[in-house]
Amino acid sequence: MPVRELRKTRIAAIRALGYTFGIRAGHCSVSESPFWDIILNMIHALKQTGEVAVIDFYKREAPIGPPLSMKLSEEEVTKDFLKAGFTLNKQLSFLPYQYFLIFRPKRGG
């Protein structure tokens, strides 16, 4: 599948699930990136039922995407979001080269 078609598929999936905002952290762990403060503040900014979707390339060789050295594994991303106070709500696997993780903030109670 051409890169342009993959982007359209990914964007359509995000919109179908009601997500409208994305962040690309780069090739360092989220907790080491400049987006760490944004992620920490998302907990307070999200509505009670709000979620954060993370779509990134699997940490393996692929015909598209960044070099392997710039990719984060699902486990690395999950670890950082758990550290920031989120829980993993869903893990989707319909994209051929990317993982799709949905996190919710841990709420008191």
PDB file of N, CA and C in Angstrom:
ATOM      1  N   MET A   1       0.848  -1.174   0.000  1.00  0.00           N
ATOM      2  CA  MET A   1       0.000   0.000   0.000  1.00  0.00           C
ATOM      3  C   MET A   1       0.895   1.239   0.000  1.00  0.00           C
ATOM      4  N   PRO A   2       0.659   2.191  -0.904  1.00  0.00           N
ATOM      5  CA  PRO A   2       1.471   3.403  -0.960  1.00  0.00           C
ATOM      6  C   PRO A   2       1.364   4.216   0.334  1.00  0.00           C
ATOM      7  N   VAL A   3       2.403   4.982   0.625  1.00  0.00           N
ATOM      8  CA  VAL A   3       2.452   5.782   1.848  1.00  0.00           C
ATOM      9  C   VAL A   3       1.251   6.710   1.947  1.00  0.00           C
ATOM     10  N   ARG A   4       0.904   7.354   0.846  1.00  0.00           N
ATOM     11  CA  ARG A   4      -0.234   8.288   0.854  1.00  0.00           C
ATOM     12  C   ARG A   4      -1.528   7.577   1.273  1.00  0.00           C
ATOM     13  N   GLU A   5      -1.737   6.360   0.781  1.00  0.00           N
ATOM     14  CA  GLU A   5      -2.934   5.600   1.152  1.00  0.00           C
ATOM     15  C   GLU A   5      -2.901   5.191   2.619  1.00  0.00           C
ATOM     16  N   LEU A   6      -1.710   4.855   3.136  1.00  0.00           N
ATOM     17  CA  LEU A   6      -1.591   4.525   4.556  1.00  0.00           C
ATOM     18  C   LEU A   6      -1.959   5.719   5.419  1.00  0.00           C
ATOM     19  N   ARG A   7      -1.494   6.902   5.025  1.00  0.00           N
ATOM     20  CA  ARG A   7      -1.837   8.116   5.777  1.00  0.00           C
ATOM     21  C   ARG A   7      -3.349   8.344   5.776  1.00  0.00           C
ATOM     22  N   LYS A   8      -3.972   8.184   4.617  1.00  0.00           N
ATOM     23  CA  LYS A   8      -5.425   8.364   4.535  1.00  0.00           C
ATOM     24  C   LYS A   8      -6.141   7.361   5.423  1.00  0.00           C
ATOM     25  N   THR A   9      -5.683   6.115   5.440  1.00  0.00           N
ATOM     26  CA  THR A   9      -6.295   5.079   6.275  1.00  0.00           C
ATOM     27  C   THR A   9      -6.149   5.431   7.744  1.00  0.00           C
ATOM     28  N   ARG A  10      -4.959   5.868   8.136  1.00  0.00           N
ATOM     29  CA  ARG A  10      -4.704   6.227   9.529  1.00  0.00           C
ATOM     30  C   ARG A  10      -5.559   7.418   9.942  1.00  0.00           C
ATOM     31  N   ILE A  11      -5.629   8.442   9.104  1.00  0.00           N
ATOM     32  CA  ILE A  11      -6.423   9.630   9.421  1.00  0.00           C
ATOM     33  C   ILE A  11      -7.903   9.274   9.501  1.00  0.00           C
ATOM     34  N   ALA A  12      -8.384   8.452   8.589  1.00  0.00           N
ATOM     35  CA  ALA A  12      -9.789   8.028   8.620  1.00  0.00           C
ATOM     36  C   ALA A  12     -10.093   7.257   9.901  1.00  0.00           C
ATOM     37  N   ALA A  13      -9.167   6.403  10.331  1.00  0.00           N
ATOM     38  CA  ALA A  13      -9.370   5.628  11.562  1.00  0.00           C
ATOM     39  C   ALA A  13      -9.432   6.549  12.769  1.00  0.00           C
ATOM     40  N   ILE A  14      -8.565   7.525  12.811  1.00  0.00           N
ATOM     41  CA  ILE A  14      -8.551   8.469  13.930  1.00  0.00           C
ATOM     42  C   ILE A  14      -9.863   9.240  13.973  1.00  0.00           C
ATOM     43  N   ARG A  15     -10.296   9.735  12.834  1.00  0.00           N
ATOM     44  CA  ARG A  15     -11.540  10.516  12.786  1.00  0.00           C
ATOM     45  C   ARG A  15     -12.755   9.658  13.104  1.00  0.00           C
ATOM     46  N   ALA A  16     -12.766   8.419  12.639  1.00  0.00           N
ATOM     47  CA  ALA A  16     -13.900   7.526  12.902  1.00  0.00           C
ATOM     48  C   ALA A  16     -14.063   7.267  14.395  1.00  0.00           C
ATOM     49  N   LEU A  17     -12.967   7.258  15.119  1.00  0.00           N
ATOM     50  CA  LEU A  17     -13.015   7.033  16.554  1.00  0.00           C
ATOM     51  C   LEU A  17     -13.199   8.330  17.335  1.00  0.00           C
ATOM     52  N   GLY A  18     -13.278   9.461  16.633  1.00  0.00           N
ATOM     53  CA  GLY A  18     -13.552  10.735  17.286  1.00  0.00           C
ATOM     54  C   GLY A  18     -12.337  11.473  17.804  1.00  0.00           C
ATOM     55  N   TYR A  19     -11.149  11.138  17.339  1.00  0.00           N
ATOM     56  CA  TYR A  19      -9.935  11.828  17.772  1.00  0.00           C
ATOM     57  C   TYR A  19      -9.580  12.900  16.762  1.00  0.00           C
ATOM     58  N   THR A  20      -9.070  14.024  17.248  1.00  0.00           N
ATOM     59  CA  THR A  20      -8.786  15.138  16.350  1.00  0.00           C
ATOM     60  C   THR A  20      -7.416  15.764  16.559  1.00  0.00           C
ATOM     61  N   PHE A  21      -6.596  15.256  17.446  1.00  0.00           N
ATOM     62  CA  PHE A  21      -5.340  15.911  17.778  1.00  0.00           C
ATOM     63  C   PHE A  21      -4.238  14.884  17.859  1.00  0.00           C
ATOM     64  N   GLY A  22      -3.059  15.221  17.355  1.00  0.00           N
ATOM     65  CA  GLY A  22      -1.958  14.279  17.420  1.00  0.00           C
ATOM     66  C   GLY A  22      -0.647  14.942  17.765  1.00  0.00           C
ATOM     67  N   ILE A  23       0.241  14.172  18.372  1.00  0.00           N
ATOM     68  CA  ILE A  23       1.576  14.642  18.723  1.00  0.00           C
ATOM     69  C   ILE A  23       2.567  13.590  18.269  1.00  0.00           C
ATOM     70  N   ARG A  24       3.654  14.028  17.687  1.00  0.00           N
ATOM     71  CA  ARG A  24       4.741  13.115  17.321  1.00  0.00           C
ATOM     72  C   ARG A  24       5.907  13.452  18.230  1.00  0.00           C
ATOM     73  N   ALA A  25       6.282  12.532  19.101  1.00  0.00           N
ATOM     74  CA  ALA A  25       7.311  12.804  20.101  1.00  0.00           C
ATOM     75  C   ALA A  25       8.717  12.710  19.540  1.00  0.00           C
ATOM     76  N   GLY A  26       8.912  12.045  18.451  1.00  0.00           N
ATOM     77  CA  GLY A  26      10.247  11.890  17.906  1.00  0.00           C
ATOM     78  C   GLY A  26      10.839  10.557  18.302  1.00  0.00           C
ATOM     79  N   HIS A  27      12.140  10.487  18.329  1.00  0.00           N
ATOM     80  CA  HIS A  27      12.789   9.203  18.524  1.00  0.00           C
ATOM     81  C   HIS A  27      13.323   8.980  19.935  1.00  0.00           C
ATOM     82  N   CYS A  28      12.899   9.790  20.893  1.00  0.00           N
ATOM     83  CA  CYS A  28      13.295   9.530  22.271  1.00  0.00           C
ATOM     84  C   CYS A  28      12.055   9.137  23.050  1.00  0.00           C
ATOM     85  N   SER A  29      12.241   8.568  24.209  1.00  0.00           N
ATOM     86  CA  SER A  29      11.073   8.171  24.977  1.00  0.00           C
ATOM     87  C   SER A  29      10.244   9.417  25.257  1.00  0.00           C
ATOM     88  N   VAL A  30       8.949   9.208  25.409  1.00  0.00           N
ATOM     89  CA  VAL A  30       8.041  10.331  25.619  1.00  0.00           C
ATOM     90  C   VAL A  30       8.452  11.114  26.858  1.00  0.00           C
ATOM     91  N   SER A  31       8.856  10.407  27.925  1.00  0.00           N
ATOM     92  CA  SER A  31       9.211  11.094  29.169  1.00  0.00           C
ATOM     93  C   SER A  31      10.487  11.904  29.038  1.00  0.00           C
ATOM     94  N   GLU A  32      11.272  11.686  27.983  1.00  0.00           N
ATOM     95  CA  GLU A  32      12.485  12.466  27.747  1.00  0.00           C
ATOM     96  C   GLU A  32      12.273  13.532  26.681  1.00  0.00           C
ATOM     97  N   SER A  33      11.098  13.595  26.105  1.00  0.00           N
ATOM     98  CA  SER A  33      10.847  14.510  24.996  1.00  0.00           C
ATOM     99  C   SER A  33      10.259  15.825  25.494  1.00  0.00           C
ATOM    100  N   PRO A  34      10.250  16.849  24.643  1.00  0.00           N
ATOM    101  CA  PRO A  34       9.629  18.118  25.034  1.00  0.00           C
ATOM    102  C   PRO A  34       8.110  18.005  25.195  1.00  0.00           C
ATOM    103  N   PHE A  35       7.531  16.892  24.785  1.00  0.00           N
ATOM    104  CA  PHE A  35       6.085  16.715  24.891  1.00  0.00           C
ATOM    105  C   PHE A  35       5.652  16.153  26.244  1.00  0.00           C
ATOM    106  N   TRP A  36       6.624  15.840  27.105  1.00  0.00           N
ATOM    107  CA  TRP A  36       6.301  15.243  28.407  1.00  0.00           C
ATOM    108  C   TRP A  36       5.352  16.132  29.202  1.00  0.00           C
ATOM    109  N   ASP A  37       5.615  17.439  29.263  1.00  0.00           N
ATOM    110  CA  ASP A  37       4.740  18.355  29.993  1.00  0.00           C
ATOM    111  C   ASP A  37       3.342  18.386  29.390  1.00  0.00           C
ATOM    112  N   ILE A  38       3.273  18.307  28.062  1.00  0.00           N
ATOM    113  CA  ILE A  38       1.965  18.279  27.403  1.00  0.00           C
ATOM    114  C   ILE A  38       1.193  17.032  27.825  1.00  0.00           C
ATOM    115  N   ILE A  39       1.863  15.903  27.839  1.00  0.00           N
ATOM    116  CA  ILE A  39       1.203  14.651  28.210  1.00  0.00           C
ATOM    117  C   ILE A  39       0.735  14.701  29.661  1.00  0.00           C
ATOM    118  N   LEU A  40       1.576  15.220  30.543  1.00  0.00           N
ATOM    119  CA  LEU A  40       1.177  15.338  31.943  1.00  0.00           C
ATOM    120  C   LEU A  40      -0.035  16.255  32.101  1.00  0.00           C
ATOM    121  N   ASN A  41      -0.077  17.328  31.312  1.00  0.00           N
ATOM    122  CA  ASN A  41      -1.194  18.273  31.409  1.00  0.00           C
ATOM    123  C   ASN A  41      -2.457  17.776  30.717  1.00  0.00           C
ATOM    124  N   MET A  42      -2.325  16.773  29.834  1.00  0.00           N
ATOM    125  CA  MET A  42      -3.505  16.226  29.163  1.00  0.00           C
ATOM    126  C   MET A  42      -4.497  15.661  30.171  1.00  0.00           C
ATOM    127  N   ILE A  43      -3.997  15.089  31.237  1.00  0.00           N
ATOM    128  CA  ILE A  43      -4.878  14.492  32.251  1.00  0.00           C
ATOM    129  C   ILE A  43      -5.878  15.520  32.738  1.00  0.00           C
ATOM    130  N   HIS A  44      -5.411  16.730  32.978  1.00  0.00           N
ATOM    131  CA  HIS A  44      -6.284  17.781  33.503  1.00  0.00           C
ATOM    132  C   HIS A  44      -7.134  18.424  32.416  1.00  0.00           C
ATOM    133  N   ALA A  45      -6.671  18.383  31.186  1.00  0.00           N
ATOM    134  CA  ALA A  45      -7.382  19.024  30.086  1.00  0.00           C
ATOM    135  C   ALA A  45      -8.478  18.140  29.496  1.00  0.00           C
ATOM    136  N   LEU A  46      -8.338  16.827  29.647  1.00  0.00           N
ATOM    137  CA  LEU A  46      -9.314  15.912  29.048  1.00  0.00           C
ATOM    138  C   LEU A  46     -10.643  15.950  29.794  1.00  0.00           C
ATOM    139  N   LYS A  47     -11.710  15.776  29.044  1.00  0.00           N
ATOM    140  CA  LYS A  47     -13.016  15.613  29.666  1.00  0.00           C
ATOM    141  C   LYS A  47     -13.011  14.312  30.458  1.00  0.00           C
ATOM    142  N   GLN A  48     -14.005  14.112  31.283  1.00  0.00           N
ATOM    143  CA  GLN A  48     -14.078  12.918  32.132  1.00  0.00           C
ATOM    144  C   GLN A  48     -13.957  11.632  31.316  1.00  0.00           C
ATOM    145  N   THR A  49     -14.508  11.623  30.117  1.00  0.00           N
ATOM    146  CA  THR A  49     -14.452  10.425  29.268  1.00  0.00           C
ATOM    147  C   THR A  49     -13.374  10.526  28.198  1.00  0.00           C
ATOM    148  N   GLY A  50     -12.489  11.523  28.318  1.00  0.00           N
ATOM    149  CA  GLY A  50     -11.467  11.763  27.303  1.00  0.00           C
ATOM    150  C   GLY A  50     -10.424  10.663  27.226  1.00  0.00           C
ATOM    151  N   GLU A  51      -9.868  10.502  26.045  1.00  0.00           N
ATOM    152  CA  GLU A  51      -8.839   9.505  25.791  1.00  0.00           C
ATOM    153  C   GLU A  51      -7.745  10.118  24.919  1.00  0.00           C
ATOM    154  N   VAL A  52      -6.577   9.480  24.930  1.00  0.00           N
ATOM    155  CA  VAL A  52      -5.458   9.888  24.095  1.00  0.00           C
ATOM    156  C   VAL A  52      -5.098   8.706  23.204  1.00  0.00           C
ATOM    157  N   ALA A  53      -5.058   8.934  21.896  1.00  0.00           N
ATOM    158  CA  ALA A  53      -4.683   7.882  20.952  1.00  0.00           C
ATOM    159  C   ALA A  53      -3.240   8.104  20.507  1.00  0.00           C
ATOM    160  N   VAL A  54      -2.465   7.033  20.504  1.00  0.00           N
ATOM    161  CA  VAL A  54      -1.075   7.078  20.048  1.00  0.00           C
ATOM    162  C   VAL A  54      -0.943   6.114  18.875  1.00  0.00           C
ATOM    163  N   ILE A  55      -0.534   6.647  17.741  1.00  0.00           N
ATOM    164  CA  ILE A  55      -0.276   5.813  16.568  1.00  0.00           C
ATOM    165  C   ILE A  55       1.170   6.059  16.172  1.00  0.00           C
ATOM    166  N   ASP A  56       1.954   5.007  16.166  1.00  0.00           N
ATOM    167  CA  ASP A  56       3.352   5.139  15.782  1.00  0.00           C
ATOM    168  C   ASP A  56       3.815   3.846  15.130  1.00  0.00           C
ATOM    169  N   PHE A  57       4.954   3.911  14.472  1.00  0.00           N
ATOM    170  CA  PHE A  57       5.471   2.747  13.758  1.00  0.00           C
ATOM    171  C   PHE A  57       5.990   1.685  14.727  1.00  0.00           C
ATOM    172  N   TYR A  58       5.698   0.411  14.398  1.00  0.00           N
ATOM    173  CA  TYR A  58       6.261  -0.690  15.172  1.00  0.00           C
ATOM    174  C   TYR A  58       7.778  -0.573  15.156  1.00  0.00           C
ATOM    175  N   LYS A  59       8.405  -1.007  16.223  1.00  0.00           N
ATOM    176  CA  LYS A  59       9.871  -0.959  16.293  1.00  0.00           C
ATOM    177  C   LYS A  59      10.424  -2.203  15.602  1.00  0.00           C
ATOM    178  N   ARG A  60      10.366  -2.178  14.284  1.00  0.00           N
ATOM    179  CA  ARG A  60      10.899  -3.234  13.424  1.00  0.00           C
ATOM    180  C   ARG A  60      11.130  -2.635  12.041  1.00  0.00           C
ATOM    181  N   GLU A  61      11.914  -3.318  11.249  1.00  0.00           N
ATOM    182  CA  GLU A  61      12.165  -2.846   9.885  1.00  0.00           C
ATOM    183  C   GLU A  61      10.857  -2.877   9.091  1.00  0.00           C
ATOM    184  N   ALA A  62      10.662  -1.856   8.260  1.00  0.00           N
ATOM    185  CA  ALA A  62       9.458  -1.761   7.435  1.00  0.00           C
ATOM    186  C   ALA A  62       9.812  -0.998   6.160  1.00  0.00           C
ATOM    187  N   PRO A  63       9.021  -1.180   5.104  1.00  0.00           N
ATOM    188  CA  PRO A  63       9.310  -0.481   3.850  1.00  0.00           C
ATOM    189  C   PRO A  63       9.031   1.023   3.903  1.00  0.00           C
ATOM    190  N   ILE A  64       8.346   1.477   4.952  1.00  0.00           N
ATOM    191  CA  ILE A  64       8.061   2.908   5.121  1.00  0.00           C
ATOM    192  C   ILE A  64       8.353   3.296   6.560  1.00  0.00           C
ATOM    193  N   GLY A  65       8.373   4.592   6.802  1.00  0.00           N
ATOM    194  CA  GLY A  65       8.563   5.085   8.161  1.00  0.00           C
ATOM    195  C   GLY A  65      10.005   5.424   8.468  1.00  0.00           C
ATOM    196  N   PRO A  66      10.243   5.876   9.689  1.00  0.00           N
ATOM    197  CA  PRO A  66      11.589   6.281  10.081  1.00  0.00           C
ATOM    198  C   PRO A  66      12.512   5.084  10.251  1.00  0.00           C
ATOM    199  N   PRO A  67      13.809   5.335  10.352  1.00  0.00           N
ATOM    200  CA  PRO A  67      14.747   4.234  10.604  1.00  0.00           C
ATOM    201  C   PRO A  67      14.455   3.578  11.950  1.00  0.00           C
ATOM    202  N   LEU A  68      14.848   2.346  12.087  1.00  0.00           N
ATOM    203  CA  LEU A  68      14.614   1.575  13.311  1.00  0.00           C
ATOM    204  C   LEU A  68      15.116   2.316  14.549  1.00  0.00           C
ATOM    205  N   SER A  69      16.237   2.987  14.446  1.00  0.00           N
ATOM    206  CA  SER A  69      16.815   3.692  15.595  1.00  0.00           C
ATOM    207  C   SER A  69      15.941   4.841  16.095  1.00  0.00           C
ATOM    208  N   MET A  70      14.996   5.290  15.292  1.00  0.00           N
ATOM    209  CA  MET A  70      14.127   6.403  15.676  1.00  0.00           C
ATOM    210  C   MET A  70      12.749   5.946  16.158  1.00  0.00           C
ATOM    211  N   LYS A  71      12.514   4.649  16.191  1.00  0.00           N
ATOM    212  CA  LYS A  71      11.199   4.132  16.548  1.00  0.00           C
ATOM    213  C   LYS A  71      11.133   3.764  18.031  1.00  0.00           C
ATOM    214  N   LEU A  72       9.954   3.943  18.607  1.00  0.00           N
ATOM    215  CA  LEU A  72       9.682   3.534  19.983  1.00  0.00           C
ATOM    216  C   LEU A  72       8.777   2.314  19.961  1.00  0.00           C
ATOM    217  N   SER A  73       9.036   1.372  20.833  1.00  0.00           N
ATOM    218  CA  SER A  73       8.185   0.187  20.905  1.00  0.00           C
ATOM    219  C   SER A  73       6.881   0.521  21.628  1.00  0.00           C
ATOM    220  N   GLU A  74       5.894  -0.329  21.436  1.00  0.00           N
ATOM    221  CA  GLU A  74       4.628  -0.177  22.158  1.00  0.00           C
ATOM    222  C   GLU A  74       4.870  -0.194  23.657  1.00  0.00           C
ATOM    223  N   GLU A  75       5.788  -1.046  24.084  1.00  0.00           N
ATOM    224  CA  GLU A  75       6.085  -1.178  25.506  1.00  0.00           C
ATOM    225  C   GLU A  75       6.683   0.106  26.080  1.00  0.00           C
ATOM    226  N   GLU A  76       7.575   0.746  25.314  1.00  0.00           N
ATOM    227  CA  GLU A  76       8.188   2.003  25.769  1.00  0.00           C
ATOM    228  C   GLU A  76       7.133   3.105  25.922  1.00  0.00           C
ATOM    229  N   VAL A  77       6.265   3.223  24.923  1.00  0.00           N
ATOM    230  CA  VAL A  77       5.218   4.247  24.961  1.00  0.00           C
ATOM    231  C   VAL A  77       4.253   3.966  26.109  1.00  0.00           C
ATOM    232  N   THR A  78       3.841   2.710  26.245  1.00  0.00           N
ATOM    233  CA  THR A  78       2.921   2.346  27.326  1.00  0.00           C
ATOM    234  C   THR A  78       3.535   2.653  28.685  1.00  0.00           C
ATOM    235  N   LYS A  79       4.790   2.304  28.868  1.00  0.00           N
ATOM    236  CA  LYS A  79       5.487   2.561  30.139  1.00  0.00           C
ATOM    237  C   LYS A  79       5.462   4.048  30.478  1.00  0.00           C
ATOM    238  N   ASP A  80       5.730   4.894  29.480  1.00  0.00           N
ATOM    239  CA  ASP A  80       5.735   6.337  29.721  1.00  0.00           C
ATOM    240  C   ASP A  80       4.341   6.864  30.054  1.00  0.00           C
ATOM    241  N   PHE A  81       3.322   6.390  29.367  1.00  0.00           N
ATOM    242  CA  PHE A  81       1.969   6.862  29.664  1.00  0.00           C
ATOM    243  C   PHE A  81       1.498   6.365  31.030  1.00  0.00           C
ATOM    244  N   LEU A  82       1.852   5.152  31.401  1.00  0.00           N
ATOM    245  CA  LEU A  82       1.510   4.663  32.736  1.00  0.00           C
ATOM    246  C   LEU A  82       2.190   5.524  33.798  1.00  0.00           C
ATOM    247  N   LYS A  83       3.445   5.877  33.554  1.00  0.00           N
ATOM    248  CA  LYS A  83       4.210   6.730  34.459  1.00  0.00           C
ATOM    249  C   LYS A  83       3.553   8.104  34.605  1.00  0.00           C
ATOM    250  N   ALA A  84       2.923   8.577  33.529  1.00  0.00           N
ATOM    251  CA  ALA A  84       2.272   9.888  33.538  1.00  0.00           C
ATOM    252  C   ALA A  84       0.875   9.849  34.155  1.00  0.00           C
ATOM    253  N   GLY A  85       0.394   8.663  34.542  1.00  0.00           N
ATOM    254  CA  GLY A  85      -0.914   8.579  35.190  1.00  0.00           C
ATOM    255  C   GLY A  85      -2.050   8.121  34.301  1.00  0.00           C
ATOM    256  N   PHE A  86      -1.735   7.473  33.190  1.00  0.00           N
ATOM    257  CA  PHE A  86      -2.757   6.949  32.291  1.00  0.00           C
ATOM    258  C   PHE A  86      -2.862   5.432  32.445  1.00  0.00           C
ATOM    259  N   THR A  87      -3.940   4.880  31.944  1.00  0.00           N
ATOM    260  CA  THR A  87      -4.079   3.431  31.817  1.00  0.00           C
ATOM    261  C   THR A  87      -4.294   3.109  30.337  1.00  0.00           C
ATOM    262  N   LEU A  88      -3.833   1.943  29.923  1.00  0.00           N
ATOM    263  CA  LEU A  88      -4.049   1.509  28.535  1.00  0.00           C
ATOM    264  C   LEU A  88      -5.467   0.968  28.434  1.00  0.00           C
ATOM    265  N   ASN A  89      -6.284   1.615  27.613  1.00  0.00           N
ATOM    266  CA  ASN A  89      -7.679   1.219  27.455  1.00  0.00           C
ATOM    267  C   ASN A  89      -7.873   0.241  26.305  1.00  0.00           C
ATOM    268  N   LYS A  90      -7.225   0.496  25.172  1.00  0.00           N
ATOM    269  CA  LYS A  90      -7.359  -0.367  23.990  1.00  0.00           C
ATOM    270  C   LYS A  90      -6.040  -0.431  23.248  1.00  0.00           C
ATOM    271  N   GLN A  91      -5.850  -1.546  22.578  1.00  0.00           N
ATOM    272  CA  GLN A  91      -4.690  -1.736  21.711  1.00  0.00           C
ATOM    273  C   GLN A  91      -5.224  -2.321  20.408  1.00  0.00           C
ATOM    274  N   LEU A  92      -5.160  -1.541  19.328  1.00  0.00           N
ATOM    275  CA  LEU A  92      -5.708  -1.961  18.046  1.00  0.00           C
ATOM    276  C   LEU A  92      -4.572  -2.361  17.109  1.00  0.00           C
ATOM    277  N   SER A  93      -4.858  -3.297  16.211  1.00  0.00           N
ATOM    278  CA  SER A  93      -3.779  -3.808  15.349  1.00  0.00           C
ATOM    279  C   SER A  93      -4.197  -3.962  13.892  1.00  0.00           C
ATOM    280  N   PHE A  94      -5.006  -3.045  13.392  1.00  0.00           N
ATOM    281  CA  PHE A  94      -5.462  -3.160  12.006  1.00  0.00           C
ATOM    282  C   PHE A  94      -4.542  -2.456  11.007  1.00  0.00           C
ATOM    283  N   LEU A  95      -3.601  -1.647  11.488  1.00  0.00           N
ATOM    284  CA  LEU A  95      -2.662  -0.973  10.599  1.00  0.00           C
ATOM    285  C   LEU A  95      -1.452  -1.876  10.367  1.00  0.00           C
ATOM    286  N   PRO A  96      -0.959  -1.980   9.142  1.00  0.00           N
ATOM    287  CA  PRO A  96       0.117  -2.937   8.856  1.00  0.00           C
ATOM    288  C   PRO A  96       1.482  -2.571   9.435  1.00  0.00           C
ATOM    289  N   TYR A  97       1.778  -1.283   9.586  1.00  0.00           N
ATOM    290  CA  TYR A  97       3.108  -0.881  10.016  1.00  0.00           C
ATOM    291  C   TYR A  97       3.110  -0.084  11.319  1.00  0.00           C
ATOM    292  N   GLN A  98       1.945   0.168  11.874  1.00  0.00           N
ATOM    293  CA  GLN A  98       1.846   1.013  13.057  1.00  0.00           C
ATOM    294  C   GLN A  98       0.982   0.371  14.132  1.00  0.00           C
ATOM    295  N   TYR A  99       1.323   0.682  15.381  1.00  0.00           N
ATOM    296  CA  TYR A  99       0.464   0.289  16.494  1.00  0.00           C
ATOM    297  C   TYR A  99      -0.453   1.454  16.823  1.00  0.00           C
ATOM    298  N   PHE A 100      -1.555   1.138  17.474  1.00  0.00           N
ATOM    299  CA  PHE A 100      -2.589   2.118  17.784  1.00  0.00           C
ATOM    300  C   PHE A 100      -2.990   1.851  19.226  1.00  0.00           C
ATOM    301  N   LEU A 101      -2.574   2.731  20.131  1.00  0.00           N
ATOM    302  CA  LEU A 101      -2.842   2.572  21.548  1.00  0.00           C
ATOM    303  C   LEU A 101      -3.782   3.681  22.018  1.00  0.00           C
ATOM    304  N   ILE A 102      -4.725   3.338  22.860  1.00  0.00           N
ATOM    305  CA  ILE A 102      -5.667   4.328  23.393  1.00  0.00           C
ATOM    306  C   ILE A 102      -5.549   4.316  24.912  1.00  0.00           C
ATOM    307  N   PHE A 103      -5.217   5.478  25.459  1.00  0.00           N
ATOM    308  CA  PHE A 103      -5.014   5.626  26.894  1.00  0.00           C
ATOM    309  C   PHE A 103      -6.095   6.497  27.497  1.00  0.00           C
ATOM    310  N   ARG A 104      -6.424   6.211  28.767  1.00  0.00           N
ATOM    311  CA  ARG A 104      -7.326   7.031  29.562  1.00  0.00           C
ATOM    312  C   ARG A 104      -6.587   7.457  30.823  1.00  0.00           C
ATOM    313  N   PRO A 105      -6.878   8.643  31.296  1.00  0.00           N
ATOM    314  CA  PRO A 105      -6.272   9.040  32.573  1.00  0.00           C
ATOM    315  C   PRO A 105      -6.841   8.189  33.707  1.00  0.00           C
ATOM    316  N   LYS A 106      -5.999   7.862  34.671  1.00  0.00           N
ATOM    317  CA  LYS A 106      -6.495   7.216  35.894  1.00  0.00           C
ATOM    318  C   LYS A 106      -7.265   8.283  36.641  1.00  0.00           C
ATOM    319  N   ARG A 107      -8.443   7.956  37.026  1.00  0.00           N
ATOM    320  CA  ARG A 107      -9.276   8.921  37.767  1.00  0.00           C
ATOM    321  C   ARG A 107      -9.345   8.473  39.222  1.00  0.00           C
ATOM    322  N   GLY A 108      -9.405   9.420  40.119  1.00  0.00           N
ATOM    323  CA  GLY A 108      -9.492   9.095  41.547  1.00  0.00           C
ATOM    324  C   GLY A 108     -10.730   8.278  41.865  1.00  0.00           C
ATOM    325  N   GLY A 109     -10.647   7.528  42.938  1.00  0.00           N
ATOM    326  CA  GLY A 109     -11.822   6.756  43.364  1.00  0.00           C
ATOM    327  C   GLY A 109     -11.580   5.372  43.273  1.00  0.00           C
TER     328      GLY A 109
END
